[in-house]
Amino acid sequence: MALEKELATFKDRLLSMKEHEGKFVLIHEEIVVDFFSTYEDAIKAGYQQFKLSPFLVKRVLSVEPMLYISRSILPIKVPLTR
């Protein structure tokens, strides 16, 4: 799975990153690289250092907000083929 190592690193080290609450963390594999004030700065640093290698930028929050997205979507009629 993509970013599996990075997400596990984020989860494992979340308590130790508490002092950086609200900032954006840059993680590459199992390494917490740095913290940034903006998402844009973190992404820019990630691409500068790791080019096209996978890296994670995620906001450090002790409680993650739950997002609920709903849409009114009508079912699509799919023609039966034989």
Protein backbone atom coordinates (compact mmCIF):
# COMPACT_ATOMS: atom_id res chain seq x y z
CA MET A 1 0.00 0.00 0.00
CA ALA A 2 1.23 3.49 -0.83
CA LEU A 3 2.68 5.46 2.09
CA GLU A 4 2.24 2.53 4.48
CA LYS A 5 5.60 3.16 6.22
CA GLU A 6 5.00 6.90 6.43
CA LEU A 7 1.50 6.55 7.89
CA ALA A 8 2.74 4.01 10.45
CA THR A 9 5.56 6.39 11.41
CA PHE A 10 3.06 9.24 11.84
CA LYS A 11 0.82 7.12 14.04
CA ASP A 12 3.71 5.75 16.14
CA ARG A 13 5.25 9.18 16.77
CA LEU A 14 2.13 11.32 17.12
CA LEU A 15 2.49 11.74 20.90
CA SER A 16 6.10 12.86 20.56
CA MET A 17 5.06 15.45 17.95
CA LYS A 18 2.52 17.06 20.29
CA GLU A 19 4.63 20.23 20.67
CA HIS A 20 4.19 20.77 16.89
CA GLU A 21 0.37 20.71 17.05
CA GLY A 22 -1.15 22.43 14.02
CA LYS A 23 2.02 22.30 11.91
CA PHE A 24 2.62 20.06 8.91
CA VAL A 25 5.09 17.21 9.24
CA LEU A 26 7.16 15.82 6.37
CA ILE A 27 7.83 12.09 6.68
CA HIS A 28 9.90 9.90 4.36
CA GLU A 29 9.81 6.18 5.11
CA GLU A 30 10.45 5.97 8.90
CA ILE A 31 12.10 9.40 9.15
CA VAL A 32 10.36 12.50 10.50
CA VAL A 33 12.18 15.05 8.35
CA ASP A 34 10.87 18.41 9.59
CA PHE A 35 7.83 20.50 10.55
CA PHE A 36 6.40 23.40 8.53
CA SER A 37 3.90 26.18 9.13
CA THR A 38 2.16 25.66 5.80
CA TYR A 39 1.22 22.69 3.67
CA GLU A 40 2.77 24.36 0.63
CA ASP A 41 6.18 24.73 2.34
CA ALA A 42 6.13 21.07 3.40
CA ILE A 43 5.22 19.83 -0.09
CA LYS A 44 7.90 22.01 -1.68
CA ALA A 45 10.55 20.66 0.71
CA GLY A 46 9.38 17.10 0.06
CA TYR A 47 9.78 17.42 -3.70
CA GLN A 48 13.14 19.19 -3.35
CA GLN A 49 14.55 16.44 -1.12
CA PHE A 50 12.85 13.29 -2.41
CA LYS A 51 11.88 14.16 -6.00
CA LEU A 52 9.32 11.52 -7.05
CA SER A 53 9.98 9.11 -4.17
CA PRO A 54 6.98 8.72 -1.87
CA PHE A 55 6.72 11.07 1.11
CA LEU A 56 3.93 12.11 3.43
CA VAL A 57 2.83 15.58 4.46
CA LYS A 58 0.23 15.54 7.21
CA ARG A 59 -1.04 18.06 9.74
CA VAL A 60 -0.16 17.22 13.34
CA LEU A 61 -3.44 17.09 15.27
CA SER A 62 -4.02 15.22 18.51
CA VAL A 63 -7.65 14.68 17.47
CA GLU A 64 -8.31 14.24 13.78
CA PRO A 65 -11.54 15.76 12.53
CA MET A 66 -14.06 13.36 11.09
CA LEU A 67 -15.15 14.37 7.63
CA TYR A 68 -18.55 13.41 6.32
CA ILE A 69 -19.30 13.86 2.66
CA SER A 70 -22.71 13.12 1.25
CA ARG A 71 -24.02 13.46 -2.24
CA SER A 72 -27.37 12.93 -3.79
CA ILE A 73 -26.48 10.63 -6.63
CA LEU A 74 -29.03 8.94 -8.79
CA PRO A 75 -28.20 5.37 -9.80
CA ILE A 76 -26.84 4.95 -13.30
CA LYS A 77 -28.71 2.57 -15.56
CA VAL A 78 -26.23 0.17 -17.06
CA PRO A 79 -27.44 -1.70 -20.15
CA LEU A 80 -27.29 -5.46 -19.87
CA THR A 81 -25.01 -7.11 -22.40
CA ARG A 82 -25.23 -10.70 -23.50
